[in-house]
Amino acid sequence: MTDRELVDMAKKAMGFAYAPYSRFRVGAALLAKDGRVFLGCNIENASYGATNCAERTAVFKAVSEGVREFEKIAIVASSGDYAAPCGICRQVLFEFMPHGTVILDSEEKGMKRFSVEELLPMGFGRVDMK
């Protein structure tokens, strides 16, 4: 699957976002190593701490269906500009795809690609739990 195809799927997922408070909609498309794609959107809540980001929604959907190995994730936002994962999402991505790729898209600036390791240097993972 090309990066552009994954970004287009993330844009579709963004359309499902529930963001009545911030009106900042985010979509993510997560490519599993087996070729399946899991979509996620941000889901806000009146109790802001209960809000879930698009990236984690996609990862949690996949894991809840038994998939735990991923290659890349595309993330888009309704602002039209880059929307990098928050710290919690970076940690979740590191757990399941430390060597994976994060694709950010901006309508005006195009795509940028980062490794998860670039976004979370010295990430905390399973090997640190021994």
N, C-alpha and C. Protein backbone atom coordinates (compact mmCIF):
# COMPACT_ATOMS: atom_id res chain seq x y z
N MET A 1 0.85 -1.18 0.00
CA MET A 1 0.00 0.00 0.00
C MET A 1 0.89 1.24 0.00
N THR A 2 0.57 2.19 -0.85
CA THR A 2 1.37 3.41 -0.93
C THR A 2 1.04 4.34 0.23
N ASP A 3 1.95 5.25 0.49
CA ASP A 3 1.70 6.26 1.53
C ASP A 3 0.48 7.09 1.18
N ARG A 4 0.32 7.45 -0.08
CA ARG A 4 -0.82 8.27 -0.51
C ARG A 4 -2.14 7.53 -0.25
N GLU A 5 -2.18 6.25 -0.55
CA GLU A 5 -3.40 5.47 -0.30
C GLU A 5 -3.72 5.44 1.19
N LEU A 6 -2.69 5.30 2.01
CA LEU A 6 -2.90 5.27 3.45
C LEU A 6 -3.39 6.63 3.96
N VAL A 7 -2.82 7.71 3.44
CA VAL A 7 -3.27 9.06 3.81
C VAL A 7 -4.74 9.25 3.41
N ASP A 8 -5.10 8.80 2.23
CA ASP A 8 -6.50 8.92 1.79
C ASP A 8 -7.45 8.16 2.71
N MET A 9 -7.00 7.02 3.21
CA MET A 9 -7.82 6.26 4.15
C MET A 9 -7.92 6.99 5.49
N ALA A 10 -6.84 7.65 5.89
CA ALA A 10 -6.87 8.44 7.13
C ALA A 10 -7.85 9.60 6.99
N LYS A 11 -7.92 10.19 5.81
CA LYS A 11 -8.89 11.27 5.57
C LYS A 11 -10.32 10.76 5.70
N LYS A 12 -10.54 9.55 5.23
CA LYS A 12 -11.87 8.95 5.38
C LYS A 12 -12.19 8.77 6.87
N ALA A 13 -11.22 8.27 7.62
CA ALA A 13 -11.42 8.05 9.05
C ALA A 13 -11.69 9.37 9.78
N MET A 14 -11.04 10.43 9.34
CA MET A 14 -11.23 11.75 9.95
C MET A 14 -12.70 12.16 9.89
N GLY A 15 -13.39 11.73 8.85
CA GLY A 15 -14.80 12.05 8.70
C GLY A 15 -15.68 11.45 9.78
N PHE A 16 -15.18 10.45 10.49
CA PHE A 16 -15.93 9.81 11.56
C PHE A 16 -15.64 10.41 12.94
N ALA A 17 -14.71 11.36 13.01
CA ALA A 17 -14.30 11.93 14.29
C ALA A 17 -15.49 12.51 15.06
N TYR A 18 -15.42 12.35 16.36
CA TYR A 18 -16.41 12.94 17.26
C TYR A 18 -15.67 14.02 18.04
N ALA A 19 -15.79 15.26 17.58
CA ALA A 19 -15.03 16.37 18.16
C ALA A 19 -15.92 17.60 18.37
N PRO A 20 -16.99 17.46 19.16
CA PRO A 20 -17.91 18.58 19.33
C PRO A 20 -17.33 19.73 20.17
N TYR A 21 -16.26 19.50 20.91
CA TYR A 21 -15.71 20.52 21.80
C TYR A 21 -14.59 21.30 21.12
N SER A 22 -13.61 20.60 20.59
CA SER A 22 -12.48 21.28 19.94
C SER A 22 -12.74 21.56 18.47
N ARG A 23 -13.61 20.79 17.86
CA ARG A 23 -13.85 20.85 16.42
C ARG A 23 -12.57 20.54 15.62
N PHE A 24 -11.61 19.94 16.28
CA PHE A 24 -10.34 19.53 15.66
C PHE A 24 -10.43 18.03 15.41
N ARG A 25 -10.72 17.68 14.15
CA ARG A 25 -10.91 16.28 13.79
C ARG A 25 -9.60 15.68 13.29
N VAL A 26 -9.34 14.45 13.73
CA VAL A 26 -8.11 13.75 13.34
C VAL A 26 -8.49 12.36 12.86
N GLY A 27 -7.81 11.91 11.82
CA GLY A 27 -8.01 10.56 11.31
C GLY A 27 -6.67 9.84 11.20
N ALA A 28 -6.70 8.53 11.39
CA ALA A 28 -5.49 7.72 11.27
C ALA A 28 -5.82 6.44 10.52
N ALA A 29 -4.86 5.97 9.76
CA ALA A 29 -4.96 4.68 9.06
C ALA A 29 -3.68 3.91 9.37
N LEU A 30 -3.85 2.75 9.98
CA LEU A 30 -2.74 1.93 10.47
C LEU A 30 -2.60 0.69 9.61
N LEU A 31 -1.44 0.52 9.00
CA LEU A 31 -1.17 -0.64 8.15
C LEU A 31 -0.49 -1.73 8.95
N ALA A 32 -1.17 -2.86 9.06
CA ALA A 32 -0.60 -4.03 9.75
C ALA A 32 0.34 -4.76 8.80
N LYS A 33 1.24 -5.53 9.38
CA LYS A 33 2.19 -6.30 8.57
C LYS A 33 1.50 -7.32 7.69
N ASP A 34 0.28 -7.74 8.07
CA ASP A 34 -0.45 -8.71 7.25
C ASP A 34 -1.25 -8.03 6.13
N GLY A 35 -1.12 -6.70 5.99
CA GLY A 35 -1.77 -5.97 4.91
C GLY A 35 -3.11 -5.35 5.27
N ARG A 36 -3.66 -5.70 6.42
CA ARG A 36 -4.93 -5.10 6.82
C ARG A 36 -4.70 -3.66 7.28
N VAL A 37 -5.73 -2.84 7.10
CA VAL A 37 -5.68 -1.45 7.53
C VAL A 37 -6.76 -1.22 8.57
N PHE A 38 -6.39 -0.57 9.65
CA PHE A 38 -7.32 -0.24 10.72
C PHE A 38 -7.44 1.28 10.80
N LEU A 39 -8.68 1.76 10.77
CA LEU A 39 -8.93 3.19 10.81
C LEU A 39 -9.22 3.63 12.24
N GLY A 40 -8.87 4.86 12.53
CA GLY A 40 -9.17 5.44 13.82
C GLY A 40 -9.44 6.93 13.69
N CYS A 41 -10.26 7.44 14.59
CA CYS A 41 -10.53 8.88 14.64
C CYS A 41 -10.48 9.31 16.09
N ASN A 42 -10.35 10.61 16.32
CA ASN A 42 -10.39 11.08 17.69
C ASN A 42 -11.84 11.07 18.18
N ILE A 43 -11.98 10.75 19.46
CA ILE A 43 -13.30 10.64 20.08
C ILE A 43 -13.24 11.45 21.37
N GLU A 44 -13.86 12.64 21.34
CA GLU A 44 -13.83 13.52 22.50
C GLU A 44 -14.92 13.14 23.51
N ASN A 45 -14.78 13.71 24.69
CA ASN A 45 -15.73 13.45 25.76
C ASN A 45 -15.83 14.72 26.60
N ALA A 46 -17.00 14.98 27.17
CA ALA A 46 -17.17 16.15 28.04
C ALA A 46 -16.19 16.11 29.21
N SER A 47 -15.82 14.93 29.65
CA SER A 47 -14.76 14.76 30.63
C SER A 47 -13.48 14.59 29.80
N TYR A 48 -12.76 15.68 29.58
CA TYR A 48 -11.67 15.70 28.60
C TYR A 48 -10.66 14.57 28.75
N GLY A 49 -10.41 14.12 29.96
CA GLY A 49 -9.47 13.02 30.17
C GLY A 49 -9.91 11.71 29.54
N ALA A 50 -11.20 11.61 29.24
CA ALA A 50 -11.73 10.39 28.62
C ALA A 50 -11.63 10.43 27.09
N THR A 51 -11.11 11.50 26.56
CA THR A 51 -10.93 11.64 25.11
C THR A 51 -9.87 10.65 24.62
N ASN A 52 -10.05 10.13 23.41
CA ASN A 52 -9.08 9.22 22.82
C ASN A 52 -8.63 9.74 21.46
N CYS A 53 -7.35 9.66 21.22
CA CYS A 53 -6.77 10.14 19.96
C CYS A 53 -7.00 9.14 18.82
N ALA A 54 -6.93 9.62 17.61
CA ALA A 54 -7.13 8.78 16.43
C ALA A 54 -6.12 7.64 16.35
N GLU A 55 -4.88 7.95 16.66
CA GLU A 55 -3.83 6.94 16.56
C GLU A 55 -4.10 5.77 17.50
N ARG A 56 -4.44 6.09 18.75
CA ARG A 56 -4.72 5.04 19.72
C ARG A 56 -6.00 4.28 19.38
N THR A 57 -6.98 4.99 18.84
CA THR A 57 -8.20 4.29 18.42
C THR A 57 -7.86 3.22 17.40
N ALA A 58 -7.04 3.56 16.41
CA ALA A 58 -6.65 2.60 15.37
C ALA A 58 -5.87 1.43 15.96
N VAL A 59 -4.89 1.73 16.81
CA VAL A 59 -4.07 0.67 17.41
C VAL A 59 -4.93 -0.24 18.28
N PHE A 60 -5.78 0.35 19.11
CA PHE A 60 -6.59 -0.46 20.02
C PHE A 60 -7.60 -1.32 19.26
N LYS A 61 -8.15 -0.79 18.16
CA LYS A 61 -9.04 -1.62 17.33
C LYS A 61 -8.29 -2.84 16.81
N ALA A 62 -7.09 -2.60 16.30
CA ALA A 62 -6.30 -3.70 15.73
C ALA A 62 -5.94 -4.73 16.80
N VAL A 63 -5.44 -4.26 17.92
CA VAL A 63 -5.02 -5.18 18.99
C VAL A 63 -6.22 -5.97 19.50
N SER A 64 -7.38 -5.32 19.58
CA SER A 64 -8.57 -6.02 20.07
C SER A 64 -9.04 -7.10 19.09
N GLU A 65 -8.52 -7.06 17.86
CA GLU A 65 -8.82 -8.09 16.87
C GLU A 65 -7.66 -9.05 16.67
N GLY A 66 -6.67 -8.99 17.57
CA GLY A 66 -5.57 -9.94 17.55
C GLY A 66 -4.37 -9.55 16.72
N VAL A 67 -4.34 -8.34 16.19
CA VAL A 67 -3.23 -7.89 15.36
C VAL A 67 -2.29 -7.05 16.22
N ARG A 68 -0.99 -7.36 16.15
CA ARG A 68 -0.03 -6.66 17.01
C ARG A 68 1.24 -6.23 16.31
N GLU A 69 1.30 -6.39 15.00
CA GLU A 69 2.50 -5.99 14.26
C GLU A 69 2.10 -5.04 13.14
N PHE A 70 2.74 -3.86 13.13
CA PHE A 70 2.36 -2.81 12.19
C PHE A 70 3.58 -2.25 11.47
N GLU A 71 3.34 -1.75 10.27
CA GLU A 71 4.40 -1.16 9.46
C GLU A 71 4.40 0.35 9.50
N LYS A 72 3.21 0.94 9.31
CA LYS A 72 3.15 2.40 9.25
C LYS A 72 1.75 2.89 9.57
N ILE A 73 1.69 4.17 9.92
CA ILE A 73 0.44 4.82 10.23
C ILE A 73 0.44 6.20 9.58
N ALA A 74 -0.68 6.55 8.97
CA ALA A 74 -0.86 7.88 8.39
C ALA A 74 -1.81 8.66 9.28
N ILE A 75 -1.51 9.94 9.48
CA ILE A 75 -2.31 10.79 10.36
C ILE A 75 -2.62 12.09 9.64
N VAL A 76 -3.90 12.49 9.68
CA VAL A 76 -4.32 13.76 9.07
C VAL A 76 -5.22 14.50 10.06
N ALA A 77 -5.31 15.83 9.87
CA ALA A 77 -6.14 16.63 10.76
C ALA A 77 -6.96 17.63 9.96
N SER A 78 -8.09 18.02 10.54
CA SER A 78 -9.00 18.94 9.87
C SER A 78 -8.39 20.32 9.67
N SER A 79 -7.33 20.64 10.38
CA SER A 79 -6.66 21.94 10.20
C SER A 79 -5.98 22.02 8.84
N GLY A 80 -5.74 20.86 8.22
CA GLY A 80 -5.04 20.83 6.95
C GLY A 80 -3.53 20.84 7.11
N ASP A 81 -3.05 21.02 8.34
CA ASP A 81 -1.62 21.05 8.60
C ASP A 81 -1.19 19.75 9.28
N TYR A 82 0.10 19.59 9.49
CA TYR A 82 0.61 18.39 10.15
C TYR A 82 0.04 18.28 11.56
N ALA A 83 -0.27 17.06 11.97
CA ALA A 83 -0.74 16.78 13.32
C ALA A 83 0.09 15.61 13.86
N ALA A 84 1.18 15.94 14.51
CA ALA A 84 2.05 14.91 15.06
C ALA A 84 1.39 14.23 16.25
N PRO A 85 1.68 12.96 16.48
CA PRO A 85 1.08 12.25 17.61
C PRO A 85 1.47 12.89 18.95
N CYS A 86 0.55 12.86 19.89
CA CYS A 86 0.85 13.34 21.24
C CYS A 86 1.82 12.36 21.91
N GLY A 87 2.28 12.69 23.09
CA GLY A 87 3.22 11.83 23.80
C GLY A 87 2.67 10.45 24.12
N ILE A 88 1.42 10.39 24.55
CA ILE A 88 0.82 9.09 24.88
C ILE A 88 0.74 8.23 23.62
N CYS A 89 0.33 8.82 22.51
CA CYS A 89 0.25 8.06 21.26
C CYS A 89 1.63 7.59 20.80
N ARG A 90 2.64 8.42 20.99
CA ARG A 90 4.00 8.01 20.62
C ARG A 90 4.41 6.77 21.42
N GLN A 91 4.05 6.76 22.70
CA GLN A 91 4.39 5.60 23.53
C GLN A 91 3.64 4.36 23.06
N VAL A 92 2.37 4.50 22.73
CA VAL A 92 1.59 3.35 22.24
C VAL A 92 2.16 2.86 20.92
N LEU A 93 2.51 3.76 20.02
CA LEU A 93 3.11 3.35 18.76
C LEU A 93 4.43 2.64 18.99
N PHE A 94 5.22 3.14 19.94
CA PHE A 94 6.50 2.50 20.26
C PHE A 94 6.31 1.08 20.76
N GLU A 95 5.24 0.85 21.50
CA GLU A 95 4.95 -0.49 22.03
C GLU A 95 4.74 -1.51 20.91
N PHE A 96 4.05 -1.10 19.85
CA PHE A 96 3.64 -2.04 18.81
C PHE A 96 4.40 -1.91 17.49
N MET A 97 5.09 -0.80 17.28
CA MET A 97 5.83 -0.64 16.02
C MET A 97 7.03 0.29 16.21
N PRO A 98 7.97 -0.09 17.08
CA PRO A 98 9.10 0.80 17.37
C PRO A 98 9.94 1.14 16.14
N HIS A 99 9.91 0.28 15.15
CA HIS A 99 10.69 0.54 13.93
C HIS A 99 9.78 0.97 12.78
N GLY A 100 8.53 1.29 13.09
CA GLY A 100 7.56 1.66 12.07
C GLY A 100 7.71 3.11 11.61
N THR A 101 6.87 3.46 10.67
CA THR A 101 6.90 4.79 10.06
C THR A 101 5.60 5.54 10.36
N VAL A 102 5.73 6.82 10.66
CA VAL A 102 4.59 7.71 10.86
C VAL A 102 4.58 8.68 9.69
N ILE A 103 3.44 8.73 9.00
CA ILE A 103 3.28 9.62 7.85
C ILE A 103 2.32 10.74 8.25
N LEU A 104 2.79 11.97 8.15
CA LEU A 104 1.95 13.13 8.42
C LEU A 104 1.69 13.83 7.10
N ASP A 105 0.47 14.34 6.93
CA ASP A 105 0.14 15.00 5.67
C ASP A 105 -0.37 16.41 5.93
N SER A 106 0.08 17.33 5.10
CA SER A 106 -0.38 18.71 5.12
C SER A 106 -0.87 19.03 3.72
N GLU A 107 -2.06 19.65 3.64
CA GLU A 107 -2.61 19.98 2.33
C GLU A 107 -1.68 20.87 1.53
N GLU A 108 -0.98 21.80 2.19
CA GLU A 108 -0.12 22.75 1.50
C GLU A 108 1.33 22.29 1.40
N LYS A 109 1.80 21.54 2.38
CA LYS A 109 3.22 21.20 2.47
C LYS A 109 3.56 19.78 2.05
N GLY A 110 2.54 18.95 1.83
CA GLY A 110 2.79 17.57 1.42
C GLY A 110 3.03 16.64 2.59
N MET A 111 3.59 15.47 2.28
CA MET A 111 3.80 14.45 3.30
C MET A 111 5.19 14.55 3.93
N LYS A 112 5.23 14.18 5.21
CA LYS A 112 6.49 14.02 5.93
C LYS A 112 6.47 12.64 6.55
N ARG A 113 7.63 12.00 6.61
CA ARG A 113 7.75 10.68 7.18
C ARG A 113 8.76 10.70 8.32
N PHE A 114 8.39 10.03 9.40
CA PHE A 114 9.26 9.92 10.56
C PHE A 114 9.24 8.47 11.04
N SER A 115 10.34 8.03 11.61
CA SER A 115 10.30 6.74 12.29
C SER A 115 9.73 6.98 13.68
N VAL A 116 9.12 5.96 14.24
CA VAL A 116 8.61 6.07 15.60
C VAL A 116 9.77 6.38 16.54
N GLU A 117 10.92 5.79 16.28
CA GLU A 117 12.09 6.04 17.11
C GLU A 117 12.53 7.50 17.07
N GLU A 118 12.35 8.17 15.92
CA GLU A 118 12.66 9.60 15.84
C GLU A 118 11.70 10.42 16.71
N LEU A 119 10.44 10.02 16.71
CA LEU A 119 9.43 10.76 17.47
C LEU A 119 9.49 10.48 18.97
N LEU A 120 10.07 9.34 19.35
CA LEU A 120 10.19 9.00 20.76
C LEU A 120 11.58 8.42 21.02
N PRO A 121 12.60 9.30 21.03
CA PRO A 121 13.95 8.79 21.29
C PRO A 121 14.03 8.19 22.69
N MET A 122 14.78 7.12 22.81
CA MET A 122 14.95 6.41 24.07
C MET A 122 13.61 5.94 24.63
N GLY A 123 12.72 5.49 23.74
CA GLY A 123 11.39 5.04 24.16
C GLY A 123 11.47 3.90 25.16
N PHE A 124 10.46 3.82 25.99
CA PHE A 124 10.35 2.79 27.02
C PHE A 124 9.54 1.64 26.48
N GLY A 125 10.11 0.44 26.49
CA GLY A 125 9.43 -0.71 25.91
C GLY A 125 9.56 -1.97 26.74
N ARG A 126 9.17 -3.07 26.13
CA ARG A 126 9.18 -4.36 26.82
C ARG A 126 10.54 -4.74 27.37
N VAL A 127 11.60 -4.45 26.62
CA VAL A 127 12.94 -4.83 27.07
C VAL A 127 13.31 -4.10 28.36
N ASP A 128 12.70 -2.95 28.60
CA ASP A 128 12.99 -2.19 29.81
C ASP A 128 12.27 -2.74 31.04
N MET A 129 11.38 -3.70 30.84
CA MET A 129 10.58 -4.26 31.94
C MET A 129 11.26 -5.46 32.58
N LYS A 130 12.41 -5.88 32.08
CA LYS A 130 13.08 -7.08 32.60
C LYS A 130 13.78 -6.80 33.90
